[in-house]
């Protein structure tokens, strides 16, 4: 699994002009799934997201996690994270998992985050989504589990 993690002041995702998920301060996470991913990777990614120390402490050092600051998490599926443009100019998405594999694993990440205590909002798997956010920092981290 791959994730682009952004520390945000706010974020929201819309489908057909209607907001389907929104969060205040916390994380906006774009998640991609490949063929070999399993529920174990989903659990590992959720734990990493929950404990990732990218929020400032009282000394303005990034020592706190979203769990520590009581932040929220917006999870958006993003198959294009497995796009490969090494050959030519049109990316191949051959490494992205099929929807029947990817959707349950995205759900597993969300479910595990909620089990850990996160307030989680989501996009709509497979939909044409519009994501709006205010990046805080900006802080953007790439994760692969």
Protein backbone atom coordinates (compact mmCIF):
# COMPACT_ATOMS: atom_id res chain seq x y z
CA UNK A 1 0.00 0.00 0.00
CA UNK A 2 1.08 3.53 -0.73
CA UNK A 3 -0.13 6.69 0.89
CA UNK A 4 0.38 10.40 0.39
CA UNK A 5 -0.17 11.96 3.81
CA UNK A 6 -0.79 15.67 4.15
CA UNK A 7 -1.09 17.54 7.42
CA UNK A 8 -4.12 19.77 6.91
CA UNK A 9 -6.01 22.57 8.58
CA UNK A 10 -9.10 21.27 6.81
CA UNK A 11 -9.97 18.96 3.93
CA UNK A 12 -13.06 17.79 2.11
CA UNK A 13 -13.97 15.51 -0.75
CA UNK A 14 -16.95 16.00 -3.05
CA UNK A 15 -18.71 13.85 -5.61
CA UNK A 16 -20.96 15.55 -8.19
CA UNK A 17 -20.68 18.82 -6.26
CA UNK A 18 -21.86 17.27 -2.96
CA UNK A 19 -19.49 17.03 0.01
CA UNK A 20 -19.25 13.36 1.03
CA UNK A 21 -16.48 13.69 3.62
CA UNK A 22 -14.84 16.53 5.51
CA UNK A 23 -12.40 16.98 8.37
CA UNK A 24 -10.98 19.80 10.40
CA UNK A 25 -7.35 19.82 11.51
CA UNK A 26 -5.64 16.48 10.96
CA UNK A 27 -4.62 14.38 7.96
CA UNK A 28 -5.71 14.02 4.37
CA UNK A 29 -4.54 10.60 3.17
CA UNK A 30 -4.59 9.40 -0.44
CA UNK A 31 -4.29 5.59 -0.43
CA UNK A 32 -3.30 3.30 -3.29
CA UNK A 33 -3.47 -0.50 -3.27
CA UNK A 34 -1.45 -2.98 -5.33
CA UNK A 35 -2.11 -6.66 -6.15
CA UNK A 36 -0.05 -8.15 -3.34
CA UNK A 37 -1.53 -6.07 -0.52
CA UNK A 38 -3.38 -7.87 2.26
CA UNK A 39 -5.34 -6.89 5.38
CA UNK A 40 -2.03 -6.99 7.26
CA UNK A 41 -0.75 -4.05 5.20
CA UNK A 42 -4.02 -2.18 5.83
CA UNK A 43 -3.60 -2.66 9.58
CA UNK A 44 0.04 -1.59 9.42
CA UNK A 45 -0.78 1.53 7.38
CA UNK A 46 -3.56 2.57 9.77
CA UNK A 47 -1.24 2.18 12.78
CA UNK A 48 1.48 4.17 11.02
CA UNK A 49 -0.96 6.96 10.14
CA UNK A 50 -2.32 7.09 13.70
CA UNK A 51 1.16 7.36 15.24
CA UNK A 52 3.01 9.38 12.55
CA UNK A 53 4.60 12.29 14.41
CA UNK A 54 4.14 15.26 12.07
CA UNK A 55 2.34 17.71 14.37
CA UNK A 56 4.16 20.39 16.35
CA UNK A 57 4.65 20.15 20.09
CA UNK A 58 5.00 23.10 22.48
CA UNK A 59 8.57 23.64 21.22
CA UNK A 60 7.39 23.69 17.58
CA UNK A 61 9.04 20.34 16.83
CA UNK A 62 7.18 17.62 14.93
CA UNK A 63 6.81 15.23 17.87
CA UNK A 64 3.05 14.69 18.03
CA UNK A 65 0.74 12.37 16.11
CA UNK A 66 -2.81 12.90 14.92
CA UNK A 67 -3.81 10.77 17.92
CA UNK A 68 -1.93 13.11 20.28
CA UNK A 69 -3.56 16.27 18.91
CA UNK A 70 -7.09 14.86 18.53
CA UNK A 71 -7.04 15.44 14.79
CA UNK A 72 -9.30 13.91 12.17
CA UNK A 73 -8.42 11.81 9.12
CA UNK A 74 -9.82 12.04 5.59
CA UNK A 75 -9.12 8.86 3.56
CA UNK A 76 -9.44 8.98 -0.22
CA UNK A 77 -8.75 6.01 -2.50
CA UNK A 78 -6.23 6.83 -5.22
CA UNK A 79 -5.34 4.09 -7.71
CA UNK A 80 -3.10 6.51 -9.62
CA UNK A 81 -0.50 6.22 -6.85
CA UNK A 82 0.50 3.03 -8.66
CA UNK A 83 0.81 4.77 -12.02
CA UNK A 84 4.09 4.10 -13.82
CA UNK A 85 5.25 6.51 -16.54
CA UNK A 86 8.76 5.06 -16.91
CA UNK A 87 8.01 4.08 -20.51
CA UNK A 88 6.44 6.81 -22.58
CA UNK A 89 4.19 9.61 -21.43
CA UNK A 90 0.99 7.73 -20.67
CA UNK A 91 1.11 6.06 -17.25
CA UNK A 92 0.38 2.37 -16.91
CA UNK A 93 -1.80 1.39 -13.98
CA UNK A 94 -0.98 -2.32 -14.21
CA UNK A 95 0.35 -2.31 -10.63
CA UNK A 96 -2.88 -0.89 -9.19
CA UNK A 97 -5.16 -3.50 -7.65
CA UNK A 98 -8.53 -4.21 -9.22
CA UNK A 99 -11.51 -2.62 -7.45
CA UNK A 100 -12.67 -5.94 -5.97
CA UNK A 101 -9.28 -6.21 -4.21
CA UNK A 102 -8.66 -2.55 -3.45
CA UNK A 103 -12.04 -1.46 -2.05
CA UNK A 104 -12.06 -3.90 0.90
CA UNK A 105 -8.50 -2.94 1.79
CA UNK A 106 -9.30 0.77 1.77
CA UNK A 107 -12.27 -0.06 4.02
CA UNK A 108 -9.92 -2.03 6.28
CA UNK A 109 -7.64 1.00 6.69
CA UNK A 110 -10.66 3.14 7.62
CA UNK A 111 -12.06 0.52 10.00
CA UNK A 112 -8.69 0.07 11.72
CA UNK A 113 -8.24 3.84 12.12
CA UNK A 114 -11.68 4.01 13.73
CA UNK A 115 -10.78 1.10 16.02
CA UNK A 116 -7.70 3.04 17.10
CA UNK A 117 -9.93 6.01 17.97
CA UNK A 118 -9.76 8.22 14.89
CA UNK A 119 -12.62 10.33 13.60
CA UNK A 120 -12.48 9.32 9.92
CA UNK A 121 -14.24 10.72 6.85
CA UNK A 122 -13.96 9.09 3.43
CA UNK A 123 -14.33 9.61 -0.25
CA UNK A 124 -16.41 7.29 -2.44
CA UNK A 125 -14.41 4.41 -3.89
CA UNK A 126 -14.27 4.53 -7.69
CA UNK A 127 -16.06 7.89 -7.97
CA UNK A 128 -14.77 10.95 -9.79
CA UNK A 129 -13.91 13.00 -6.70
CA UNK A 130 -12.83 16.55 -6.05
CA UNK A 131 -10.51 16.96 -3.06
CA UNK A 132 -9.99 20.37 -1.48
CA UNK A 133 -7.61 21.01 1.39
CA UNK A 134 -5.57 23.56 3.21
CA UNK A 135 -2.15 22.00 3.68
CA UNK A 136 -0.63 22.90 7.04
CA UNK A 137 3.09 23.61 6.81
CA UNK A 138 3.05 22.38 4.12
CA UNK A 139 3.80 18.90 5.42
CA UNK A 140 3.50 16.02 2.96
CA UNK A 141 4.85 12.51 3.62
CA UNK A 142 5.00 9.49 1.31
CA UNK A 143 4.45 6.12 3.00
CA UNK A 144 4.75 2.61 1.65
CA UNK A 145 3.96 -0.44 3.79
